[in-house]
Amino acid sequence: MKKIIRPGFYCLDIGANLGYYSTFLSKQAGPQGKVLAVEPVPMFQKIWRDNVKASGVANLELLPYALGGENTRIQMGTPERDGLLHHGMTKVTSSADEKYARLYEVEMKVPDELFRNLNRLDFVKCDVEGFEYQVFSHLQETLQKFKPLIQTELNGTENREGVIALLQNLGYQPYILSATQTLVHCADAHKLAHHHGDFYFKNSLAS
């Protein structure tokens, strides 16, 4: 990430959770940069604000929404597995068959509408626990306009294949992180299907 994020970058942290990526991106982007952190869960928002305040960075903005196909209210849940709460796996309840121990009513926004007034975007990190296809499906205008570098988790075969196809249609190519911490282009469908880390996408038309 230190090789990727440069001073002045405008970044989106979609699924900001407790602010680990947000604060790191903020420090790398510097005072001329900007980080928009998207986190819909109120409990996580409070911790995010505390962590950001403790970090001393000031170029961040929290957007308290889920992202998807309509402007509405939806339900999110924290799953319980083997008696344990998995806060990092909190997700839209309709996106996976889970046993949820905590439920939250949150506001959803259409991302292309939410980010319509942006004048720059260099990097997008997206980790929304299997809901990535819904996010990227409604972020196409923004991606076409700015062609940012993308880093994303892609849980679930249908979700992963859908996102890869969607981004390739926009001129993006998939990359994975090598053992030497460099991005390596990956066109091997079998390797993409069995990759367990984050995926990266670079647009061939980006400057």
N, C-alpha and C. Protein backbone atom coordinates (compact mmCIF):
# COMPACT_ATOMS: atom_id res chain seq x y z
N MET A 1 0.82 -1.20 0.00
CA MET A 1 0.00 0.00 0.00
C MET A 1 0.86 1.27 0.00
N LYS A 2 2.02 1.20 0.64
CA LYS A 2 2.90 2.37 0.64
C LYS A 2 3.43 2.66 -0.76
N LYS A 3 3.50 1.63 -1.61
CA LYS A 3 3.94 1.82 -2.98
C LYS A 3 2.81 2.37 -3.86
N ILE A 4 1.57 2.11 -3.45
CA ILE A 4 0.42 2.44 -4.29
C ILE A 4 -0.14 3.83 -4.01
N ILE A 5 -0.32 4.15 -2.72
CA ILE A 5 -0.99 5.40 -2.34
C ILE A 5 0.02 6.53 -2.27
N ARG A 6 -0.20 7.56 -3.08
CA ARG A 6 0.73 8.68 -3.16
C ARG A 6 0.11 9.96 -2.58
N PRO A 7 0.95 10.90 -2.17
CA PRO A 7 0.43 12.17 -1.64
C PRO A 7 -0.54 12.83 -2.63
N GLY A 8 -1.65 13.32 -2.10
CA GLY A 8 -2.65 13.97 -2.92
C GLY A 8 -3.75 13.06 -3.42
N PHE A 9 -3.64 11.75 -3.18
CA PHE A 9 -4.65 10.80 -3.65
C PHE A 9 -5.99 11.05 -2.96
N TYR A 10 -7.06 10.87 -3.72
CA TYR A 10 -8.42 10.83 -3.19
C TYR A 10 -8.84 9.36 -3.15
N CYS A 11 -9.26 8.89 -1.98
CA CYS A 11 -9.51 7.47 -1.77
C CYS A 11 -10.91 7.23 -1.21
N LEU A 12 -11.49 6.10 -1.58
CA LEU A 12 -12.72 5.60 -0.98
C LEU A 12 -12.39 4.36 -0.17
N ASP A 13 -12.85 4.34 1.07
CA ASP A 13 -12.74 3.16 1.93
C ASP A 13 -14.15 2.65 2.17
N ILE A 14 -14.60 1.73 1.31
CA ILE A 14 -15.97 1.22 1.37
C ILE A 14 -15.98 -0.02 2.26
N GLY A 15 -16.72 0.08 3.37
CA GLY A 15 -16.66 -0.94 4.40
C GLY A 15 -15.52 -0.60 5.35
N ALA A 16 -15.57 0.62 5.90
CA ALA A 16 -14.44 1.15 6.67
C ALA A 16 -14.27 0.48 8.02
N ASN A 17 -15.33 -0.14 8.54
CA ASN A 17 -15.26 -0.87 9.80
C ASN A 17 -14.70 0.02 10.91
N LEU A 18 -13.56 -0.33 11.50
CA LEU A 18 -13.05 0.41 12.66
C LEU A 18 -12.01 1.47 12.30
N GLY A 19 -11.70 1.60 11.01
CA GLY A 19 -10.84 2.71 10.58
C GLY A 19 -9.39 2.37 10.31
N TYR A 20 -9.03 1.09 10.31
CA TYR A 20 -7.62 0.74 10.08
C TYR A 20 -7.15 1.22 8.72
N TYR A 21 -7.88 0.88 7.67
CA TYR A 21 -7.50 1.33 6.33
C TYR A 21 -7.65 2.84 6.20
N SER A 22 -8.72 3.38 6.78
CA SER A 22 -8.98 4.81 6.65
C SER A 22 -7.80 5.65 7.14
N THR A 23 -7.32 5.33 8.33
CA THR A 23 -6.23 6.13 8.89
C THR A 23 -4.93 5.92 8.10
N PHE A 24 -4.70 4.69 7.65
CA PHE A 24 -3.50 4.44 6.86
C PHE A 24 -3.55 5.21 5.54
N LEU A 25 -4.68 5.13 4.84
CA LEU A 25 -4.84 5.85 3.58
C LEU A 25 -4.68 7.35 3.80
N SER A 26 -5.24 7.84 4.90
CA SER A 26 -5.17 9.27 5.20
C SER A 26 -3.72 9.74 5.35
N LYS A 27 -2.94 8.96 6.09
CA LYS A 27 -1.54 9.34 6.30
C LYS A 27 -0.75 9.29 5.00
N GLN A 28 -1.03 8.30 4.17
CA GLN A 28 -0.32 8.18 2.91
C GLN A 28 -0.71 9.30 1.94
N ALA A 29 -2.00 9.64 1.90
CA ALA A 29 -2.49 10.67 0.98
C ALA A 29 -2.06 12.07 1.40
N GLY A 30 -1.88 12.27 2.70
CA GLY A 30 -1.39 13.54 3.20
C GLY A 30 -2.43 14.65 3.19
N PRO A 31 -2.02 15.85 3.59
CA PRO A 31 -2.97 16.96 3.74
C PRO A 31 -3.62 17.41 2.44
N GLN A 32 -3.00 17.13 1.30
CA GLN A 32 -3.60 17.49 0.01
C GLN A 32 -4.53 16.42 -0.52
N GLY A 33 -4.54 15.27 0.15
CA GLY A 33 -5.40 14.16 -0.25
C GLY A 33 -6.70 14.14 0.54
N LYS A 34 -7.50 13.11 0.29
CA LYS A 34 -8.81 12.99 0.93
C LYS A 34 -9.20 11.53 1.02
N VAL A 35 -9.82 11.15 2.14
CA VAL A 35 -10.35 9.79 2.31
C VAL A 35 -11.83 9.90 2.69
N LEU A 36 -12.67 9.30 1.86
CA LEU A 36 -14.09 9.18 2.16
C LEU A 36 -14.31 7.76 2.66
N ALA A 37 -14.71 7.63 3.91
CA ALA A 37 -14.90 6.32 4.54
C ALA A 37 -16.39 6.02 4.62
N VAL A 38 -16.79 4.88 4.07
CA VAL A 38 -18.20 4.48 4.03
C VAL A 38 -18.40 3.36 5.05
N GLU A 39 -19.20 3.63 6.08
CA GLU A 39 -19.47 2.62 7.11
C GLU A 39 -20.88 2.82 7.67
N PRO A 40 -21.78 1.85 7.44
CA PRO A 40 -23.17 2.03 7.83
C PRO A 40 -23.52 1.65 9.26
N VAL A 41 -22.71 0.85 9.94
CA VAL A 41 -23.08 0.31 11.25
C VAL A 41 -22.74 1.30 12.35
N PRO A 42 -23.74 1.77 13.12
CA PRO A 42 -23.50 2.82 14.13
C PRO A 42 -22.41 2.47 15.13
N MET A 43 -22.36 1.24 15.61
CA MET A 43 -21.33 0.84 16.58
C MET A 43 -19.93 1.01 16.00
N PHE A 44 -19.76 0.62 14.73
CA PHE A 44 -18.46 0.76 14.08
C PHE A 44 -18.13 2.23 13.81
N GLN A 45 -19.15 3.02 13.50
CA GLN A 45 -18.92 4.44 13.25
C GLN A 45 -18.32 5.12 14.48
N LYS A 46 -18.84 4.80 15.66
CA LYS A 46 -18.32 5.41 16.89
C LYS A 46 -16.85 5.03 17.10
N ILE A 47 -16.52 3.75 16.91
CA ILE A 47 -15.13 3.32 17.08
C ILE A 47 -14.25 3.95 16.01
N TRP A 48 -14.78 4.05 14.78
CA TRP A 48 -14.04 4.69 13.68
C TRP A 48 -13.66 6.11 14.08
N ARG A 49 -14.64 6.86 14.59
CA ARG A 49 -14.37 8.26 14.97
C ARG A 49 -13.33 8.33 16.08
N ASP A 50 -13.41 7.44 17.07
CA ASP A 50 -12.44 7.43 18.15
C ASP A 50 -11.03 7.11 17.61
N ASN A 51 -10.95 6.14 16.71
CA ASN A 51 -9.65 5.76 16.16
C ASN A 51 -9.06 6.87 15.29
N VAL A 52 -9.90 7.52 14.49
CA VAL A 52 -9.44 8.61 13.65
C VAL A 52 -8.96 9.78 14.49
N LYS A 53 -9.71 10.08 15.55
CA LYS A 53 -9.31 11.17 16.45
C LYS A 53 -7.97 10.86 17.09
N ALA A 54 -7.77 9.61 17.51
CA ALA A 54 -6.54 9.21 18.17
C ALA A 54 -5.35 9.24 17.21
N SER A 55 -5.63 9.05 15.92
CA SER A 55 -4.54 8.99 14.94
C SER A 55 -4.00 10.37 14.60
N GLY A 56 -4.79 11.42 14.84
CA GLY A 56 -4.33 12.78 14.58
C GLY A 56 -4.46 13.23 13.14
N VAL A 57 -5.08 12.43 12.29
CA VAL A 57 -5.23 12.81 10.88
C VAL A 57 -6.53 13.60 10.70
N ALA A 58 -6.56 14.45 9.65
CA ALA A 58 -7.68 15.38 9.54
C ALA A 58 -8.29 15.43 8.14
N ASN A 59 -7.88 14.57 7.23
CA ASN A 59 -8.39 14.65 5.85
C ASN A 59 -9.39 13.55 5.55
N LEU A 60 -10.16 13.16 6.58
CA LEU A 60 -11.14 12.09 6.42
C LEU A 60 -12.56 12.59 6.61
N GLU A 61 -13.49 11.90 5.94
CA GLU A 61 -14.91 12.17 6.11
C GLU A 61 -15.64 10.83 6.18
N LEU A 62 -16.51 10.69 7.17
CA LEU A 62 -17.29 9.47 7.34
C LEU A 62 -18.65 9.61 6.69
N LEU A 63 -19.00 8.67 5.82
CA LEU A 63 -20.32 8.62 5.19
C LEU A 63 -21.07 7.43 5.80
N PRO A 64 -22.13 7.69 6.57
CA PRO A 64 -22.76 6.63 7.37
C PRO A 64 -23.83 5.84 6.61
N TYR A 65 -23.42 5.23 5.51
CA TYR A 65 -24.38 4.55 4.65
C TYR A 65 -23.87 3.17 4.22
N ALA A 66 -24.81 2.31 3.86
CA ALA A 66 -24.52 1.15 3.03
C ALA A 66 -24.64 1.60 1.58
N LEU A 67 -24.01 0.88 0.66
CA LEU A 67 -24.10 1.22 -0.76
C LEU A 67 -24.80 0.09 -1.51
N GLY A 68 -25.67 0.48 -2.44
CA GLY A 68 -26.40 -0.54 -3.19
C GLY A 68 -27.23 0.07 -4.29
N GLY A 69 -28.28 -0.63 -4.69
CA GLY A 69 -29.03 -0.28 -5.88
C GLY A 69 -30.16 0.71 -5.71
N GLU A 70 -30.44 1.12 -4.47
CA GLU A 70 -31.52 2.09 -4.28
C GLU A 70 -31.30 2.88 -3.00
N ASN A 71 -31.93 4.03 -2.94
CA ASN A 71 -31.89 4.86 -1.74
C ASN A 71 -33.04 4.43 -0.84
N THR A 72 -32.70 3.68 0.21
CA THR A 72 -33.72 3.08 1.06
C THR A 72 -33.11 2.75 2.40
N ARG A 73 -33.85 2.03 3.23
CA ARG A 73 -33.31 1.50 4.48
C ARG A 73 -33.26 -0.02 4.38
N ILE A 74 -32.18 -0.60 4.89
CA ILE A 74 -32.00 -2.04 4.81
C ILE A 74 -31.58 -2.58 6.17
N GLN A 75 -31.53 -3.89 6.25
CA GLN A 75 -31.12 -4.56 7.49
C GLN A 75 -29.74 -5.19 7.31
N MET A 76 -28.87 -4.95 8.28
CA MET A 76 -27.57 -5.60 8.32
C MET A 76 -27.47 -6.40 9.61
N GLY A 77 -26.61 -7.42 9.60
CA GLY A 77 -26.51 -8.26 10.78
C GLY A 77 -25.09 -8.72 11.04
N THR A 78 -24.79 -8.93 12.32
CA THR A 78 -23.51 -9.51 12.73
C THR A 78 -23.72 -11.00 12.96
N PRO A 79 -23.04 -11.86 12.20
CA PRO A 79 -23.28 -13.30 12.32
C PRO A 79 -22.69 -13.90 13.59
N GLU A 80 -23.35 -14.95 14.04
CA GLU A 80 -22.86 -15.74 15.17
C GLU A 80 -22.51 -17.13 14.67
N ARG A 81 -21.28 -17.56 14.94
CA ARG A 81 -20.83 -18.89 14.55
C ARG A 81 -20.16 -19.55 15.73
N ASP A 82 -20.64 -20.71 16.08
CA ASP A 82 -20.09 -21.47 17.22
C ASP A 82 -20.08 -20.64 18.49
N GLY A 83 -21.14 -19.85 18.67
CA GLY A 83 -21.27 -19.07 19.89
C GLY A 83 -20.48 -17.78 19.94
N LEU A 84 -19.80 -17.45 18.84
CA LEU A 84 -18.99 -16.24 18.80
C LEU A 84 -19.55 -15.22 17.82
N LEU A 85 -19.53 -13.94 18.20
CA LEU A 85 -19.93 -12.87 17.29
C LEU A 85 -18.76 -12.53 16.38
N HIS A 86 -19.03 -12.43 15.08
CA HIS A 86 -17.99 -12.08 14.10
C HIS A 86 -18.28 -10.68 13.57
N HIS A 87 -17.82 -9.67 14.32
CA HIS A 87 -18.13 -8.28 13.97
C HIS A 87 -17.55 -7.90 12.60
N GLY A 88 -16.39 -8.45 12.26
CA GLY A 88 -15.78 -8.11 10.98
C GLY A 88 -16.53 -8.68 9.79
N MET A 89 -17.51 -9.54 10.04
CA MET A 89 -18.28 -10.15 8.95
C MET A 89 -19.71 -9.60 8.90
N THR A 90 -19.95 -8.47 9.55
CA THR A 90 -21.28 -7.84 9.51
C THR A 90 -21.63 -7.51 8.06
N LYS A 91 -22.85 -7.88 7.64
CA LYS A 91 -23.20 -7.78 6.23
C LYS A 91 -24.68 -7.50 6.06
N VAL A 92 -25.07 -7.19 4.81
CA VAL A 92 -26.48 -7.07 4.45
C VAL A 92 -27.12 -8.44 4.63
N THR A 93 -28.20 -8.52 5.40
CA THR A 93 -28.74 -9.83 5.76
C THR A 93 -29.28 -10.60 4.57
N SER A 94 -29.68 -9.92 3.52
CA SER A 94 -30.21 -10.60 2.34
C SER A 94 -29.11 -11.19 1.46
N SER A 95 -27.84 -10.87 1.76
CA SER A 95 -26.75 -11.30 0.89
C SER A 95 -26.18 -12.65 1.26
N ALA A 96 -26.56 -13.20 2.40
CA ALA A 96 -26.02 -14.50 2.80
C ALA A 96 -26.94 -15.15 3.83
N ASP A 97 -26.99 -16.47 3.81
CA ASP A 97 -27.79 -17.24 4.76
C ASP A 97 -26.96 -17.46 6.01
N GLU A 98 -27.23 -16.67 7.04
CA GLU A 98 -26.44 -16.71 8.28
C GLU A 98 -27.38 -16.68 9.48
N LYS A 99 -26.84 -17.06 10.63
CA LYS A 99 -27.51 -16.84 11.90
C LYS A 99 -26.97 -15.54 12.46
N TYR A 100 -27.83 -14.53 12.59
CA TYR A 100 -27.38 -13.20 13.01
C TYR A 100 -27.74 -12.97 14.48
N ALA A 101 -26.73 -12.56 15.25
CA ALA A 101 -26.93 -12.31 16.67
C ALA A 101 -27.33 -10.86 16.93
N ARG A 102 -26.92 -9.95 16.05
CA ARG A 102 -27.28 -8.54 16.18
C ARG A 102 -27.73 -8.02 14.83
N LEU A 103 -28.77 -7.22 14.84
CA LEU A 103 -29.33 -6.66 13.61
C LEU A 103 -29.33 -5.14 13.69
N TYR A 104 -29.14 -4.50 12.54
CA TYR A 104 -29.09 -3.04 12.47
C TYR A 104 -29.92 -2.57 11.28
N GLU A 105 -30.71 -1.54 11.48
CA GLU A 105 -31.40 -0.87 10.39
C GLU A 105 -30.53 0.30 9.93
N VAL A 106 -30.12 0.30 8.68
CA VAL A 106 -29.20 1.34 8.20
C VAL A 106 -29.73 1.94 6.90
N GLU A 107 -29.18 3.09 6.56
CA GLU A 107 -29.57 3.78 5.34
C GLU A 107 -28.67 3.36 4.18
N MET A 108 -29.29 3.05 3.05
CA MET A 108 -28.54 2.70 1.84
C MET A 108 -28.61 3.83 0.84
N LYS A 109 -27.48 4.09 0.16
CA LYS A 109 -27.41 5.09 -0.89
C LYS A 109 -26.87 4.45 -2.17
N VAL A 110 -27.29 4.98 -3.32
CA VAL A 110 -26.74 4.56 -4.61
C VAL A 110 -25.39 5.25 -4.78
N PRO A 111 -24.29 4.50 -4.90
CA PRO A 111 -22.97 5.14 -4.89
C PRO A 111 -22.72 6.13 -6.02
N ASP A 112 -23.19 5.86 -7.23
CA ASP A 112 -22.98 6.81 -8.32
C ASP A 112 -23.65 8.15 -8.03
N GLU A 113 -24.76 8.12 -7.31
CA GLU A 113 -25.43 9.36 -6.92
C GLU A 113 -24.69 10.03 -5.76
N LEU A 114 -24.25 9.22 -4.82
CA LEU A 114 -23.55 9.76 -3.64
C LEU A 114 -22.25 10.45 -4.02
N PHE A 115 -21.55 9.91 -5.03
CA PHE A 115 -20.24 10.44 -5.40
C PHE A 115 -20.28 11.28 -6.68
N ARG A 116 -21.44 11.72 -7.06
CA ARG A 116 -21.60 12.45 -8.32
C ARG A 116 -20.79 13.73 -8.37
N ASN A 117 -20.58 14.37 -7.22
CA ASN A 117 -19.89 15.66 -7.20
C ASN A 117 -18.39 15.55 -6.95
N LEU A 118 -17.87 14.34 -6.91
CA LEU A 118 -16.43 14.19 -6.78
C LEU A 118 -15.71 14.77 -8.00
N ASN A 119 -14.56 15.40 -7.76
CA ASN A 119 -13.77 15.89 -8.89
C ASN A 119 -12.46 15.14 -9.06
N ARG A 120 -12.27 14.12 -8.19
CA ARG A 120 -11.07 13.29 -8.31
C ARG A 120 -11.29 11.99 -7.53
N LEU A 121 -10.74 10.90 -8.03
CA LEU A 121 -10.77 9.63 -7.31
C LEU A 121 -9.63 8.77 -7.85
N ASP A 122 -8.71 8.38 -6.95
CA ASP A 122 -7.53 7.63 -7.37
C ASP A 122 -7.52 6.18 -6.91
N PHE A 123 -8.21 5.88 -5.81
CA PHE A 123 -8.11 4.55 -5.22
C PHE A 123 -9.42 4.19 -4.53
N VAL A 124 -9.86 2.94 -4.74
CA VAL A 124 -11.06 2.43 -4.08
C VAL A 124 -10.70 1.12 -3.37
N LYS A 125 -10.94 1.08 -2.07
CA LYS A 125 -10.87 -0.18 -1.32
C LYS A 125 -12.30 -0.57 -0.96
N CYS A 126 -12.67 -1.82 -1.27
CA CYS A 126 -14.04 -2.26 -1.02
C CYS A 126 -14.02 -3.64 -0.35
N ASP A 127 -14.60 -3.71 0.83
CA ASP A 127 -14.72 -4.96 1.56
C ASP A 127 -16.08 -4.95 2.25
N VAL A 128 -17.06 -5.57 1.60
CA VAL A 128 -18.43 -5.53 2.12
C VAL A 128 -19.04 -6.93 2.22
N GLU A 129 -18.19 -7.91 2.50
CA GLU A 129 -18.64 -9.25 2.87
C GLU A 129 -19.62 -9.87 1.88
N GLY A 130 -19.19 -9.95 0.63
CA GLY A 130 -19.99 -10.64 -0.38
C GLY A 130 -21.00 -9.78 -1.10
N PHE A 131 -21.07 -8.49 -0.76
CA PHE A 131 -22.02 -7.56 -1.41
C PHE A 131 -21.32 -6.70 -2.45
N GLU A 132 -20.08 -7.08 -2.81
CA GLU A 132 -19.27 -6.25 -3.71
C GLU A 132 -19.91 -6.06 -5.08
N TYR A 133 -20.54 -7.10 -5.60
CA TYR A 133 -21.14 -6.98 -6.94
C TYR A 133 -22.22 -5.90 -6.95
N GLN A 134 -23.02 -5.84 -5.89
CA GLN A 134 -24.06 -4.82 -5.83
C GLN A 134 -23.46 -3.42 -5.76
N VAL A 135 -22.36 -3.28 -5.04
CA VAL A 135 -21.71 -1.97 -4.94
C VAL A 135 -21.14 -1.55 -6.29
N PHE A 136 -20.33 -2.42 -6.91
CA PHE A 136 -19.68 -2.05 -8.17
C PHE A 136 -20.68 -1.91 -9.32
N SER A 137 -21.79 -2.63 -9.24
CA SER A 137 -22.82 -2.50 -10.28
C SER A 137 -23.38 -1.09 -10.35
N HIS A 138 -23.37 -0.42 -9.21
CA HIS A 138 -23.97 0.92 -9.14
C HIS A 138 -22.91 2.00 -8.90
N LEU A 139 -21.66 1.64 -9.23
CA LEU A 139 -20.54 2.58 -9.15
C LEU A 139 -19.90 2.77 -10.52
N GLN A 140 -20.57 2.31 -11.56
CA GLN A 140 -19.95 2.26 -12.89
C GLN A 140 -19.65 3.64 -13.45
N GLU A 141 -20.55 4.59 -13.28
CA GLU A 141 -20.32 5.93 -13.81
C GLU A 141 -19.08 6.55 -13.16
N THR A 142 -18.94 6.36 -11.86
CA THR A 142 -17.80 6.91 -11.13
C THR A 142 -16.50 6.24 -11.58
N LEU A 143 -16.52 4.92 -11.75
CA LEU A 143 -15.33 4.20 -12.19
C LEU A 143 -14.94 4.59 -13.61
N GLN A 144 -15.92 4.75 -14.50
CA GLN A 144 -15.63 5.15 -15.88
C GLN A 144 -15.04 6.55 -15.93
N LYS A 145 -15.50 7.42 -15.06
CA LYS A 145 -15.05 8.81 -15.07
C LYS A 145 -13.61 8.94 -14.59
N PHE A 146 -13.26 8.24 -13.49
CA PHE A 146 -11.96 8.47 -12.85
C PHE A 146 -10.96 7.33 -13.06
N LYS A 147 -11.44 6.12 -13.35
CA LYS A 147 -10.59 4.94 -13.56
C LYS A 147 -9.61 4.71 -12.41
N PRO A 148 -10.10 4.70 -11.17
CA PRO A 148 -9.21 4.52 -10.03
C PRO A 148 -8.68 3.09 -9.93
N LEU A 149 -7.56 2.93 -9.25
CA LEU A 149 -7.09 1.60 -8.87
C LEU A 149 -8.05 1.05 -7.83
N ILE A 150 -8.35 -0.25 -7.92
CA ILE A 150 -9.33 -0.88 -7.03
C ILE A 150 -8.66 -2.02 -6.26
N GLN A 151 -8.93 -2.08 -4.97
CA GLN A 151 -8.56 -3.22 -4.13
C GLN A 151 -9.83 -3.73 -3.49
N THR A 152 -10.12 -5.04 -3.61
CA THR A 152 -11.36 -5.55 -3.07
C THR A 152 -11.26 -7.02 -2.66
N GLU A 153 -11.97 -7.37 -1.60
CA GLU A 153 -12.22 -8.77 -1.31
C GLU A 153 -13.38 -9.22 -2.19
N LEU A 154 -13.38 -10.49 -2.57
CA LEU A 154 -14.47 -11.01 -3.42
C LEU A 154 -14.87 -12.38 -2.90
N ASN A 155 -15.65 -12.39 -1.84
CA ASN A 155 -16.11 -13.65 -1.26
C ASN A 155 -17.28 -14.21 -2.06
N GLY A 156 -17.28 -15.52 -2.27
CA GLY A 156 -18.37 -16.18 -2.98
C GLY A 156 -18.11 -16.24 -4.47
N THR A 157 -18.31 -17.43 -5.05
CA THR A 157 -18.00 -17.63 -6.47
C THR A 157 -18.80 -16.71 -7.38
N GLU A 158 -20.11 -16.65 -7.17
CA GLU A 158 -20.96 -15.83 -8.04
C GLU A 158 -20.60 -14.36 -7.93
N ASN A 159 -20.37 -13.90 -6.71
CA ASN A 159 -19.98 -12.51 -6.47
C ASN A 159 -18.65 -12.20 -7.15
N ARG A 160 -17.67 -13.09 -6.97
CA ARG A 160 -16.33 -12.87 -7.53
C ARG A 160 -16.37 -12.85 -9.05
N GLU A 161 -17.01 -13.84 -9.66
CA GLU A 161 -17.07 -13.90 -11.12
C GLU A 161 -17.82 -12.71 -11.69
N GLY A 162 -18.88 -12.30 -10.99
CA GLY A 162 -19.66 -11.15 -11.46
C GLY A 162 -18.87 -9.87 -11.43
N VAL A 163 -18.12 -9.64 -10.34
CA VAL A 163 -17.33 -8.41 -10.23
C VAL A 163 -16.21 -8.39 -11.27
N ILE A 164 -15.52 -9.52 -11.44
CA ILE A 164 -14.43 -9.57 -12.42
C ILE A 164 -14.95 -9.25 -13.82
N ALA A 165 -16.09 -9.86 -14.20
CA ALA A 165 -16.66 -9.60 -15.52
C ALA A 165 -17.12 -8.16 -15.65
N LEU A 166 -17.73 -7.63 -14.61
CA LEU A 166 -18.23 -6.26 -14.63
C LEU A 166 -17.08 -5.27 -14.83
N LEU A 167 -15.99 -5.46 -14.08
CA LEU A 167 -14.86 -4.54 -14.17
C LEU A 167 -14.10 -4.70 -15.48
N GLN A 168 -14.01 -5.92 -15.98
CA GLN A 168 -13.35 -6.12 -17.27
C GLN A 168 -14.11 -5.40 -18.38
N ASN A 169 -15.43 -5.34 -18.28
CA ASN A 169 -16.23 -4.62 -19.27
C ASN A 169 -15.97 -3.12 -19.23
N LEU A 170 -15.42 -2.64 -18.11
CA LEU A 170 -15.08 -1.21 -17.98
C LEU A 170 -13.62 -0.94 -18.33
N GLY A 171 -12.90 -1.98 -18.79
CA GLY A 171 -11.51 -1.79 -19.17
C GLY A 171 -10.50 -2.15 -18.10
N TYR A 172 -10.98 -2.78 -17.02
CA TYR A 172 -10.09 -3.17 -15.93
C TYR A 172 -9.53 -4.57 -16.15
N GLN A 173 -8.32 -4.79 -15.64
CA GLN A 173 -7.70 -6.10 -15.66
C GLN A 173 -7.37 -6.51 -14.22
N PRO A 174 -7.53 -7.81 -13.90
CA PRO A 174 -7.30 -8.27 -12.52
C PRO A 174 -5.82 -8.51 -12.23
N TYR A 175 -5.43 -8.17 -11.01
CA TYR A 175 -4.08 -8.39 -10.51
C TYR A 175 -4.16 -9.03 -9.14
N ILE A 176 -3.12 -9.76 -8.77
CA ILE A 176 -3.00 -10.29 -7.42
C ILE A 176 -1.64 -9.89 -6.87
N LEU A 177 -1.52 -9.91 -5.56
CA LEU A 177 -0.29 -9.52 -4.91
C LEU A 177 0.65 -10.71 -4.82
N SER A 178 1.86 -10.53 -5.32
CA SER A 178 2.84 -11.62 -5.32
C SER A 178 3.53 -11.72 -3.96
N ALA A 179 4.33 -12.76 -3.80
CA ALA A 179 5.08 -12.96 -2.55
C ALA A 179 6.09 -11.85 -2.32
N THR A 180 6.47 -11.15 -3.39
CA THR A 180 7.43 -10.04 -3.27
C THR A 180 6.73 -8.68 -3.16
N GLN A 181 5.42 -8.71 -2.85
CA GLN A 181 4.65 -7.49 -2.63
C GLN A 181 4.56 -6.61 -3.87
N THR A 182 4.44 -7.24 -5.04
CA THR A 182 4.20 -6.50 -6.27
C THR A 182 2.91 -7.00 -6.90
N LEU A 183 2.26 -6.17 -7.67
CA LEU A 183 1.02 -6.55 -8.35
C LEU A 183 1.35 -7.28 -9.64
N VAL A 184 0.77 -8.47 -9.80
CA VAL A 184 1.02 -9.31 -10.96
C VAL A 184 -0.29 -9.53 -11.71
N HIS A 185 -0.27 -9.21 -13.00
CA HIS A 185 -1.47 -9.42 -13.81
C HIS A 185 -1.85 -10.89 -13.83
N CYS A 186 -3.13 -11.17 -13.68
CA CYS A 186 -3.59 -12.56 -13.61
C CYS A 186 -4.79 -12.74 -14.54
N ALA A 187 -4.57 -13.47 -15.63
CA ALA A 187 -5.66 -13.75 -16.58
C ALA A 187 -6.09 -15.20 -16.50
N ASP A 188 -5.51 -15.96 -15.55
CA ASP A 188 -5.80 -17.38 -15.39
C ASP A 188 -7.08 -17.55 -14.57
N ALA A 189 -8.15 -18.01 -15.19
CA ALA A 189 -9.44 -18.14 -14.52
C ALA A 189 -9.35 -19.09 -13.32
N HIS A 190 -8.58 -20.16 -13.47
CA HIS A 190 -8.44 -21.12 -12.37
C HIS A 190 -7.74 -20.47 -11.17
N LYS A 191 -6.69 -19.72 -11.43
CA LYS A 191 -5.96 -19.06 -10.35
C LYS A 191 -6.83 -18.00 -9.68
N LEU A 192 -7.60 -17.25 -10.47
CA LEU A 192 -8.49 -16.25 -9.91
C LEU A 192 -9.56 -16.90 -9.03
N ALA A 193 -10.05 -18.07 -9.47
CA ALA A 193 -11.11 -18.75 -8.73
C ALA A 193 -10.63 -19.27 -7.38
N HIS A 194 -9.34 -19.54 -7.27
CA HIS A 194 -8.81 -20.13 -6.04
C HIS A 194 -7.93 -19.17 -5.25
N HIS A 195 -7.91 -17.90 -5.65
CA HIS A 195 -7.13 -16.90 -4.92
C HIS A 195 -7.88 -16.51 -3.64
N HIS A 196 -7.18 -16.49 -2.51
CA HIS A 196 -7.83 -16.23 -1.22
C HIS A 196 -7.53 -14.84 -0.66
N GLY A 197 -6.68 -14.08 -1.30
CA GLY A 197 -6.38 -12.74 -0.81
C GLY A 197 -7.21 -11.68 -1.52
N ASP A 198 -6.82 -10.44 -1.34
CA ASP A 198 -7.49 -9.34 -2.03
C ASP A 198 -7.20 -9.40 -3.53
N PHE A 199 -8.12 -8.85 -4.29
CA PHE A 199 -7.95 -8.69 -5.73
C PHE A 199 -7.70 -7.21 -6.01
N TYR A 200 -6.90 -6.95 -7.03
CA TYR A 200 -6.61 -5.58 -7.46
C TYR A 200 -7.01 -5.45 -8.93
N PHE A 201 -7.49 -4.28 -9.29
CA PHE A 201 -7.90 -4.03 -10.67
C PHE A 201 -7.34 -2.71 -11.13
N LYS A 202 -6.67 -2.73 -12.27
CA LYS A 202 -6.14 -1.52 -12.89
C LYS A 202 -6.79 -1.33 -14.26
N ASN A 203 -7.17 -0.10 -14.54
CA ASN A 203 -7.80 0.19 -15.82
C ASN A 203 -6.73 0.47 -16.87
N SER A 204 -6.82 -0.21 -18.00
CA SER A 204 -5.80 -0.07 -19.04
C SER A 204 -5.80 1.32 -19.66
N LEU A 205 -6.88 2.07 -19.48
CA LEU A 205 -6.98 3.42 -20.06
C LEU A 205 -6.60 4.50 -19.07
N ALA A 206 -6.28 4.11 -17.82
CA ALA A 206 -5.93 5.11 -16.82
C ALA A 206 -4.60 5.76 -17.17
N SER A 207 -4.49 7.04 -16.86
CA SER A 207 -3.26 7.78 -17.16
C SER A 207 -2.16 7.42 -16.18
